[in-house]
Structure formats: C-alpha cells, structure tokens
C-alpha cells in the first residue's frame, strides 16, 4: 500500500537522522557505553526494520491489490492522539514541579483512565505500580539524578 511505503520511508529517514546525530556523541564500548551508544543501536535497528517494511510494501503491492483501509480506526482517534500529546507535554512540565514519581503516576493514570477507559481502581493501581517501578529503576538501580521538585510532599 502507498501509506506503508510512505511511512516506511519516513521512518527510515528519521532513523538515518538519529544515527548521524548519535555519531556526534561518544559511543564508548560495550563495557562502558557512551552517550551515543544506545541511540546508535536503536537507530540501526530502526533503519533495518524500516527498510524491511518498505521493501515488503513494494513486494506485496505488486502481488495483490489490498482494499483501502482508513488511517484512523474511528473518528475519535485524532482526538485521542492530541490528548496523548497534551499528556506528554503536561508530564514534561509536571516533573520539575511535583517530582518524577508523582508526575509519572498522574501521567499513567490519565492515559489509563481517560484515554483507555479502564476502571478507576485499575487505573489507580496501575499508575501507582508504574510510578514505584520507574522510581526504583531510575533512582535506586540506575542512580539517575532527577530534578528536585518545587513542591515537596
């Protein structure tokens, strides 16, 4: 399909840009990776997968005609995408105000309850579990310094 070809090519271009940009950071070694190590690996994977996807779209396009499929599943999808982007922006600005773990809990709760429609109890439990897990991973295991929140609870 034409949309598969376009999206494959766009993702390939994004992967190439990330790959080239990651080369400007120190790569390091497997034992001591630098700041550009993970982005380089991720972009190489992205380049490879998008190339396979693009080639498959050309091969299947000639072999059979596919029926036209709408880009959005239903008419609520564009609105949900915009709410998701707004939630990401809000999350980014909440972290320095209330801290990493509470902002993560609020963000995951919003996504779970209002975008996915899960129950209040499931959304609360999932957001708290996610916030605790993320806090433990980033601040205890990896020892990544997070910004000090303006509001301390």
N, C-alpha and C. Protein backbone atom coordinates (compact mmCIF):
# COMPACT_ATOMS: atom_id res chain seq x y z
N UNK A 1 0.83 -1.18 0.00
CA UNK A 1 0.00 0.00 0.00
C UNK A 1 0.88 1.25 0.00
N UNK A 2 0.33 2.28 -0.54
CA UNK A 2 1.07 3.53 -0.65
C UNK A 2 1.41 4.11 0.72
N UNK A 3 0.47 4.04 1.67
CA UNK A 3 0.73 4.59 3.01
C UNK A 3 1.85 3.81 3.71
N UNK A 4 1.95 2.49 3.48
CA UNK A 4 3.03 1.71 4.06
C UNK A 4 4.39 2.15 3.50
N UNK A 5 4.41 2.41 2.21
CA UNK A 5 5.66 2.86 1.59
C UNK A 5 6.10 4.21 2.14
N UNK A 6 5.14 5.12 2.23
CA UNK A 6 5.46 6.46 2.73
C UNK A 6 5.94 6.40 4.17
N UNK A 7 5.20 5.67 5.02
CA UNK A 7 5.60 5.60 6.43
C UNK A 7 6.93 4.88 6.59
N UNK A 8 7.19 3.85 5.80
CA UNK A 8 8.48 3.17 5.86
C UNK A 8 9.63 4.08 5.49
N UNK A 9 9.43 4.89 4.45
CA UNK A 9 10.48 5.82 4.02
C UNK A 9 10.69 6.92 5.06
N UNK A 10 9.60 7.44 5.63
CA UNK A 10 9.72 8.49 6.66
C UNK A 10 10.44 7.95 7.89
N UNK A 11 10.10 6.75 8.32
CA UNK A 11 10.77 6.16 9.48
C UNK A 11 12.23 5.89 9.17
N UNK A 12 12.55 5.49 7.94
CA UNK A 12 13.94 5.28 7.54
C UNK A 12 14.72 6.59 7.62
N UNK A 13 14.13 7.68 7.15
CA UNK A 13 14.79 8.99 7.19
C UNK A 13 15.02 9.42 8.65
N UNK A 14 14.03 9.20 9.51
CA UNK A 14 14.19 9.54 10.93
C UNK A 14 15.31 8.69 11.54
N UNK A 15 15.34 7.41 11.22
CA UNK A 15 16.40 6.53 11.72
C UNK A 15 17.77 6.99 11.26
N UNK A 16 17.87 7.41 9.99
CA UNK A 16 19.15 7.90 9.47
C UNK A 16 19.58 9.17 10.19
N UNK A 17 18.63 10.07 10.46
CA UNK A 17 18.95 11.32 11.17
C UNK A 17 19.43 11.02 12.59
N UNK A 18 18.75 10.11 13.28
CA UNK A 18 19.16 9.75 14.64
C UNK A 18 20.53 9.08 14.61
N UNK A 19 20.76 8.23 13.63
CA UNK A 19 22.05 7.56 13.50
C UNK A 19 23.18 8.57 13.31
N UNK A 20 22.99 9.50 12.41
CA UNK A 20 24.02 10.51 12.16
C UNK A 20 24.23 11.40 13.38
N UNK A 21 23.16 11.76 14.04
CA UNK A 21 23.27 12.60 15.23
C UNK A 21 23.97 11.87 16.36
N UNK A 22 23.67 10.58 16.53
CA UNK A 22 24.29 9.82 17.63
C UNK A 22 25.79 9.68 17.44
N UNK A 23 26.26 9.79 16.22
CA UNK A 23 27.71 9.70 15.97
C UNK A 23 28.47 10.91 16.51
N UNK A 24 27.76 12.00 16.79
CA UNK A 24 28.43 13.17 17.34
C UNK A 24 28.66 13.05 18.85
N UNK A 25 28.08 12.02 19.47
CA UNK A 25 28.27 11.76 20.89
C UNK A 25 29.28 10.62 21.05
N UNK A 26 29.93 10.55 22.22
CA UNK A 26 30.88 9.44 22.41
C UNK A 26 30.14 8.10 22.44
N UNK A 27 30.63 7.15 21.66
CA UNK A 27 29.99 5.84 21.56
C UNK A 27 30.41 4.94 22.72
N UNK A 28 31.69 4.96 23.07
CA UNK A 28 32.18 4.13 24.15
C UNK A 28 32.34 2.68 23.70
N UNK A 29 32.32 1.78 24.66
CA UNK A 29 32.44 0.35 24.38
C UNK A 29 31.24 -0.37 24.98
N UNK A 30 31.20 -1.68 24.76
CA UNK A 30 30.12 -2.46 25.34
C UNK A 30 30.18 -2.45 26.87
N UNK A 31 31.40 -2.45 27.42
CA UNK A 31 31.56 -2.43 28.87
C UNK A 31 31.30 -1.05 29.46
N UNK A 32 31.67 -0.01 28.73
CA UNK A 32 31.45 1.37 29.17
C UNK A 32 30.82 2.16 28.03
N UNK A 33 29.51 2.01 27.85
CA UNK A 33 28.87 2.72 26.75
C UNK A 33 28.82 4.22 27.00
N UNK A 34 28.97 4.97 25.91
CA UNK A 34 28.89 6.42 25.99
C UNK A 34 27.48 6.90 25.71
N UNK A 35 27.31 8.19 25.64
CA UNK A 35 26.00 8.79 25.42
C UNK A 35 25.40 8.49 24.06
N UNK A 36 26.21 8.15 23.08
CA UNK A 36 25.69 7.87 21.76
C UNK A 36 25.48 6.40 21.47
N UNK A 37 25.83 5.53 22.44
CA UNK A 37 25.77 4.09 22.20
C UNK A 37 24.34 3.59 21.97
N UNK A 38 23.46 3.87 22.91
CA UNK A 38 22.08 3.39 22.78
C UNK A 38 21.36 4.02 21.59
N UNK A 39 21.45 5.34 21.38
CA UNK A 39 20.78 5.90 20.20
C UNK A 39 21.32 5.31 18.89
N UNK A 40 22.61 5.01 18.84
CA UNK A 40 23.18 4.41 17.63
C UNK A 40 22.60 3.01 17.39
N UNK A 41 22.56 2.20 18.45
CA UNK A 41 21.98 0.85 18.30
C UNK A 41 20.50 0.92 17.93
N UNK A 42 19.76 1.79 18.59
CA UNK A 42 18.33 1.91 18.31
C UNK A 42 18.09 2.40 16.89
N UNK A 43 18.90 3.33 16.43
CA UNK A 43 18.69 3.86 15.07
C UNK A 43 19.07 2.83 14.01
N UNK A 44 20.09 2.02 14.28
CA UNK A 44 20.45 0.96 13.33
C UNK A 44 19.32 -0.06 13.24
N UNK A 45 18.75 -0.40 14.38
CA UNK A 45 17.60 -1.31 14.38
C UNK A 45 16.42 -0.69 13.63
N UNK A 46 16.17 0.58 13.87
CA UNK A 46 15.09 1.29 13.19
C UNK A 46 15.32 1.34 11.68
N UNK A 47 16.55 1.59 11.28
CA UNK A 47 16.88 1.60 9.85
C UNK A 47 16.62 0.24 9.22
N UNK A 48 17.07 -0.80 9.86
CA UNK A 48 16.89 -2.14 9.32
C UNK A 48 15.43 -2.54 9.22
N UNK A 49 14.67 -2.31 10.29
CA UNK A 49 13.27 -2.70 10.28
C UNK A 49 12.44 -1.87 9.30
N UNK A 50 12.76 -0.58 9.20
CA UNK A 50 12.01 0.25 8.25
C UNK A 50 12.35 -0.12 6.81
N UNK A 51 13.59 -0.52 6.56
CA UNK A 51 13.97 -0.97 5.21
C UNK A 51 13.22 -2.24 4.85
N UNK A 52 13.14 -3.19 5.77
CA UNK A 52 12.38 -4.42 5.53
C UNK A 52 10.92 -4.09 5.28
N UNK A 53 10.35 -3.23 6.11
CA UNK A 53 8.94 -2.84 5.97
C UNK A 53 8.69 -2.18 4.62
N UNK A 54 9.58 -1.30 4.20
CA UNK A 54 9.41 -0.60 2.92
C UNK A 54 9.52 -1.58 1.76
N UNK A 55 10.50 -2.47 1.80
CA UNK A 55 10.64 -3.45 0.71
C UNK A 55 9.43 -4.38 0.65
N UNK A 56 8.92 -4.78 1.81
CA UNK A 56 7.73 -5.62 1.82
C UNK A 56 6.52 -4.90 1.24
N UNK A 57 6.42 -3.60 1.49
CA UNK A 57 5.28 -2.86 0.95
C UNK A 57 5.33 -2.81 -0.57
N UNK A 58 6.54 -2.75 -1.14
CA UNK A 58 6.65 -2.77 -2.59
C UNK A 58 6.35 -4.17 -3.14
N UNK A 59 6.80 -5.20 -2.45
CA UNK A 59 6.59 -6.58 -2.92
C UNK A 59 5.12 -6.97 -2.84
N UNK A 60 4.45 -6.67 -1.74
CA UNK A 60 3.04 -7.05 -1.61
C UNK A 60 2.15 -6.16 -2.46
N UNK A 61 2.61 -4.96 -2.77
CA UNK A 61 1.81 -4.06 -3.61
C UNK A 61 1.65 -4.60 -5.02
N UNK A 62 2.68 -5.27 -5.53
CA UNK A 62 2.61 -5.83 -6.88
C UNK A 62 1.89 -7.17 -6.88
N UNK A 63 2.02 -7.92 -5.79
CA UNK A 63 1.46 -9.28 -5.76
C UNK A 63 -0.06 -9.28 -5.66
N UNK A 64 -0.61 -8.38 -4.85
CA UNK A 64 -2.06 -8.38 -4.68
C UNK A 64 -2.54 -6.97 -4.40
N UNK A 65 -3.75 -6.72 -4.77
CA UNK A 65 -4.37 -5.43 -4.50
C UNK A 65 -5.08 -5.52 -3.15
N UNK A 66 -4.73 -4.62 -2.26
CA UNK A 66 -5.36 -4.60 -0.95
C UNK A 66 -6.48 -3.58 -0.95
N UNK A 67 -7.50 -3.88 -0.18
CA UNK A 67 -8.61 -2.93 -0.09
C UNK A 67 -8.15 -1.70 0.69
N UNK A 68 -8.75 -0.60 0.40
CA UNK A 68 -8.39 0.65 1.07
C UNK A 68 -8.79 0.57 2.54
N UNK A 69 -7.85 0.94 3.40
CA UNK A 69 -8.09 0.92 4.83
C UNK A 69 -7.93 2.34 5.34
N UNK A 70 -8.84 2.73 6.21
CA UNK A 70 -8.77 4.07 6.78
C UNK A 70 -7.55 4.18 7.68
N UNK A 71 -6.91 5.33 7.68
CA UNK A 71 -5.73 5.55 8.51
C UNK A 71 -6.10 5.51 9.98
N UNK A 72 -7.22 6.14 10.34
CA UNK A 72 -7.70 6.15 11.72
C UNK A 72 -8.78 5.09 11.89
N UNK A 73 -8.74 4.40 13.01
CA UNK A 73 -9.69 3.33 13.27
C UNK A 73 -11.12 3.88 13.36
N UNK A 74 -11.28 4.96 14.08
CA UNK A 74 -12.59 5.61 14.17
C UNK A 74 -12.41 7.12 14.26
N UNK A 75 -13.52 7.83 14.35
CA UNK A 75 -13.41 9.30 14.34
C UNK A 75 -12.89 9.88 15.65
N UNK A 76 -12.76 9.07 16.71
CA UNK A 76 -12.22 9.54 17.99
C UNK A 76 -10.69 9.48 18.04
N UNK A 77 -10.09 8.76 17.13
CA UNK A 77 -8.65 8.55 17.16
C UNK A 77 -7.83 9.84 17.09
N UNK A 78 -8.13 10.78 16.17
CA UNK A 78 -7.33 12.01 16.16
C UNK A 78 -7.40 12.78 17.47
N UNK A 79 -8.56 12.80 18.09
CA UNK A 79 -8.72 13.49 19.37
C UNK A 79 -7.90 12.79 20.46
N UNK A 80 -7.88 11.46 20.45
CA UNK A 80 -7.10 10.71 21.44
C UNK A 80 -5.61 10.96 21.24
N UNK A 81 -5.17 11.07 20.01
CA UNK A 81 -3.76 11.36 19.73
C UNK A 81 -3.39 12.74 20.29
N UNK A 82 -4.24 13.72 20.07
CA UNK A 82 -3.97 15.06 20.59
C UNK A 82 -3.95 15.07 22.12
N UNK A 83 -4.88 14.33 22.75
CA UNK A 83 -4.87 14.24 24.21
C UNK A 83 -3.60 13.55 24.71
N UNK A 84 -3.13 12.54 23.98
CA UNK A 84 -1.90 11.87 24.35
C UNK A 84 -0.70 12.79 24.27
N UNK A 85 -0.64 13.61 23.22
CA UNK A 85 0.45 14.58 23.09
C UNK A 85 0.36 15.63 24.19
N UNK A 86 -0.85 16.09 24.50
CA UNK A 86 -1.03 17.06 25.59
C UNK A 86 -0.60 16.44 26.92
N UNK A 87 -0.90 15.16 27.13
CA UNK A 87 -0.49 14.49 28.37
C UNK A 87 1.03 14.40 28.46
N UNK A 88 1.70 14.12 27.34
CA UNK A 88 3.17 14.08 27.34
C UNK A 88 3.77 15.44 27.68
N UNK A 89 3.21 16.47 27.10
CA UNK A 89 3.70 17.83 27.39
C UNK A 89 3.44 18.18 28.85
N UNK A 90 2.25 17.85 29.34
CA UNK A 90 1.95 18.10 30.75
C UNK A 90 2.89 17.33 31.67
N UNK A 91 3.18 16.09 31.32
CA UNK A 91 4.10 15.26 32.11
C UNK A 91 5.48 15.90 32.16
N UNK A 92 5.94 16.38 31.04
CA UNK A 92 7.25 17.02 30.99
C UNK A 92 7.33 18.23 31.92
N UNK A 93 6.25 19.01 32.01
CA UNK A 93 6.26 20.19 32.85
C UNK A 93 5.87 19.90 34.30
N UNK A 94 5.26 18.76 34.56
CA UNK A 94 4.92 18.40 35.94
C UNK A 94 6.12 17.85 36.70
N UNK A 95 7.04 17.20 36.02
CA UNK A 95 8.18 16.57 36.70
C UNK A 95 8.95 17.57 37.57
N UNK A 96 9.35 18.75 37.06
CA UNK A 96 10.10 19.65 37.94
C UNK A 96 9.24 20.29 39.03
N UNK A 97 7.92 20.22 38.90
CA UNK A 97 7.05 20.85 39.90
C UNK A 97 6.73 19.89 41.03
N UNK A 98 6.26 18.68 40.71
CA UNK A 98 5.86 17.74 41.76
C UNK A 98 6.79 16.55 41.90
N UNK A 99 7.76 16.40 41.01
CA UNK A 99 8.71 15.30 41.12
C UNK A 99 8.41 14.19 40.12
N UNK A 100 9.40 13.32 39.94
CA UNK A 100 9.33 12.27 38.94
C UNK A 100 8.23 11.25 39.23
N UNK A 101 8.23 10.66 40.42
CA UNK A 101 7.28 9.59 40.73
C UNK A 101 5.83 10.09 40.73
N UNK A 102 5.50 11.20 41.40
CA UNK A 102 4.10 11.66 41.35
C UNK A 102 3.66 12.06 39.94
N UNK A 103 4.55 12.69 39.17
CA UNK A 103 4.20 13.08 37.81
C UNK A 103 3.97 11.84 36.94
N UNK A 104 4.78 10.81 37.15
CA UNK A 104 4.61 9.57 36.41
C UNK A 104 3.27 8.92 36.76
N UNK A 105 2.92 8.93 38.03
CA UNK A 105 1.64 8.36 38.45
C UNK A 105 0.47 9.12 37.83
N UNK A 106 0.53 10.43 37.82
CA UNK A 106 -0.54 11.24 37.22
C UNK A 106 -0.64 10.98 35.72
N UNK A 107 0.49 10.94 35.05
CA UNK A 107 0.54 10.71 33.61
C UNK A 107 -0.06 9.35 33.25
N UNK A 108 0.39 8.30 33.91
CA UNK A 108 -0.10 6.95 33.63
C UNK A 108 -1.59 6.84 33.99
N UNK A 109 -1.99 7.47 35.09
CA UNK A 109 -3.41 7.45 35.46
C UNK A 109 -4.26 8.10 34.36
N UNK A 110 -3.81 9.25 33.87
CA UNK A 110 -4.55 9.94 32.81
C UNK A 110 -4.69 9.06 31.57
N UNK A 111 -3.58 8.47 31.15
CA UNK A 111 -3.62 7.61 29.96
C UNK A 111 -4.54 6.41 30.18
N UNK A 112 -4.41 5.78 31.33
CA UNK A 112 -5.17 4.57 31.61
C UNK A 112 -6.66 4.85 31.78
N UNK A 113 -6.99 5.86 32.52
CA UNK A 113 -8.41 6.13 32.83
C UNK A 113 -9.12 6.84 31.69
N UNK A 114 -8.54 7.91 31.19
CA UNK A 114 -9.27 8.77 30.26
C UNK A 114 -9.04 8.44 28.79
N UNK A 115 -7.89 7.89 28.45
CA UNK A 115 -7.68 7.54 27.05
C UNK A 115 -8.02 6.08 26.76
N UNK A 116 -7.79 5.21 27.73
CA UNK A 116 -8.09 3.79 27.53
C UNK A 116 -9.40 3.35 28.15
N UNK A 117 -9.93 4.13 29.08
CA UNK A 117 -11.24 3.83 29.67
C UNK A 117 -11.24 2.72 30.71
N UNK A 118 -10.09 2.46 31.34
CA UNK A 118 -10.06 1.45 32.39
C UNK A 118 -10.79 1.97 33.63
N UNK A 119 -11.12 1.09 34.54
CA UNK A 119 -11.83 1.48 35.76
C UNK A 119 -10.93 2.36 36.63
N UNK A 120 -11.57 3.06 37.57
CA UNK A 120 -10.82 3.93 38.47
C UNK A 120 -9.81 3.12 39.28
N UNK A 121 -10.26 1.98 39.83
CA UNK A 121 -9.38 1.16 40.66
C UNK A 121 -8.20 0.63 39.86
N UNK A 122 -8.46 0.09 38.68
CA UNK A 122 -7.38 -0.44 37.85
C UNK A 122 -6.42 0.67 37.45
N UNK A 123 -6.94 1.83 37.11
CA UNK A 123 -6.08 2.96 36.71
C UNK A 123 -5.20 3.43 37.86
N UNK A 124 -5.78 3.50 39.06
CA UNK A 124 -5.00 3.93 40.23
C UNK A 124 -3.91 2.91 40.56
N UNK A 125 -4.29 1.63 40.59
CA UNK A 125 -3.31 0.60 40.91
C UNK A 125 -2.19 0.56 39.87
N UNK A 126 -2.55 0.63 38.61
CA UNK A 126 -1.55 0.59 37.54
C UNK A 126 -0.63 1.80 37.59
N UNK A 127 -1.19 2.97 37.84
CA UNK A 127 -0.35 4.18 37.86
C UNK A 127 0.59 4.18 39.06
N UNK A 128 0.12 3.74 40.21
CA UNK A 128 0.98 3.68 41.39
C UNK A 128 2.07 2.63 41.20
N UNK A 129 1.72 1.46 40.67
CA UNK A 129 2.72 0.41 40.43
C UNK A 129 3.76 0.87 39.41
N UNK A 130 3.32 1.56 38.37
CA UNK A 130 4.25 2.06 37.36
C UNK A 130 5.18 3.12 37.94
N UNK A 131 4.64 4.03 38.74
CA UNK A 131 5.46 5.09 39.33
C UNK A 131 6.49 4.51 40.29
N UNK A 132 6.09 3.54 41.10
CA UNK A 132 7.04 2.91 42.04
C UNK A 132 8.11 2.15 41.27
N UNK A 133 7.72 1.41 40.26
CA UNK A 133 8.69 0.65 39.46
C UNK A 133 9.67 1.58 38.75
N UNK A 134 9.15 2.67 38.16
CA UNK A 134 10.02 3.61 37.46
C UNK A 134 10.97 4.29 38.43
N UNK A 135 10.46 4.69 39.59
CA UNK A 135 11.31 5.30 40.60
C UNK A 135 12.43 4.35 41.02
N UNK A 136 12.05 3.10 41.30
CA UNK A 136 13.05 2.12 41.72
C UNK A 136 14.10 1.89 40.64
N UNK A 137 13.65 1.76 39.40
CA UNK A 137 14.58 1.51 38.30
C UNK A 137 15.54 2.67 38.10
N UNK A 138 14.99 3.88 37.97
CA UNK A 138 15.83 5.01 37.60
C UNK A 138 16.62 5.61 38.76
N UNK A 139 16.03 5.67 39.95
CA UNK A 139 16.73 6.34 41.04
C UNK A 139 17.48 5.39 41.96
N UNK A 140 17.01 4.15 42.11
CA UNK A 140 17.69 3.23 43.01
C UNK A 140 18.69 2.36 42.23
N UNK A 141 18.24 1.70 41.17
CA UNK A 141 19.11 0.79 40.43
C UNK A 141 20.11 1.56 39.57
N UNK A 142 19.61 2.45 38.70
CA UNK A 142 20.49 3.17 37.77
C UNK A 142 21.12 4.42 38.37
N UNK A 143 20.62 4.88 39.51
CA UNK A 143 21.13 6.06 40.21
C UNK A 143 21.17 7.30 39.32
N UNK A 144 20.07 7.53 38.62
CA UNK A 144 19.95 8.71 37.76
C UNK A 144 19.36 9.84 38.60
N UNK A 145 20.04 10.96 38.62
CA UNK A 145 19.56 12.10 39.40
C UNK A 145 18.38 12.74 38.69
N UNK A 146 17.30 12.88 39.41
CA UNK A 146 16.10 13.52 38.87
C UNK A 146 16.04 14.96 39.38
N UNK A 147 15.34 15.84 38.68
CA UNK A 147 15.24 17.22 39.15
C UNK A 147 14.55 17.28 40.51
N UNK A 148 14.98 18.21 41.33
CA UNK A 148 14.37 18.40 42.64
C UNK A 148 13.06 19.17 42.43
N UNK A 149 11.94 18.62 42.92
CA UNK A 149 10.65 19.28 42.68
C UNK A 149 10.51 20.57 43.49
N UNK A 150 9.75 21.49 42.91
CA UNK A 150 9.46 22.75 43.61
C UNK A 150 8.56 22.50 44.81
N UNK A 151 7.56 21.63 44.62
CA UNK A 151 6.65 21.28 45.71
C UNK A 151 7.10 19.96 46.33
N UNK A 152 7.38 19.97 47.62
CA UNK A 152 7.81 18.74 48.28
C UNK A 152 6.65 18.20 49.09
N UNK A 153 6.40 16.91 48.89
CA UNK A 153 5.28 16.27 49.59
C UNK A 153 5.79 15.53 50.80
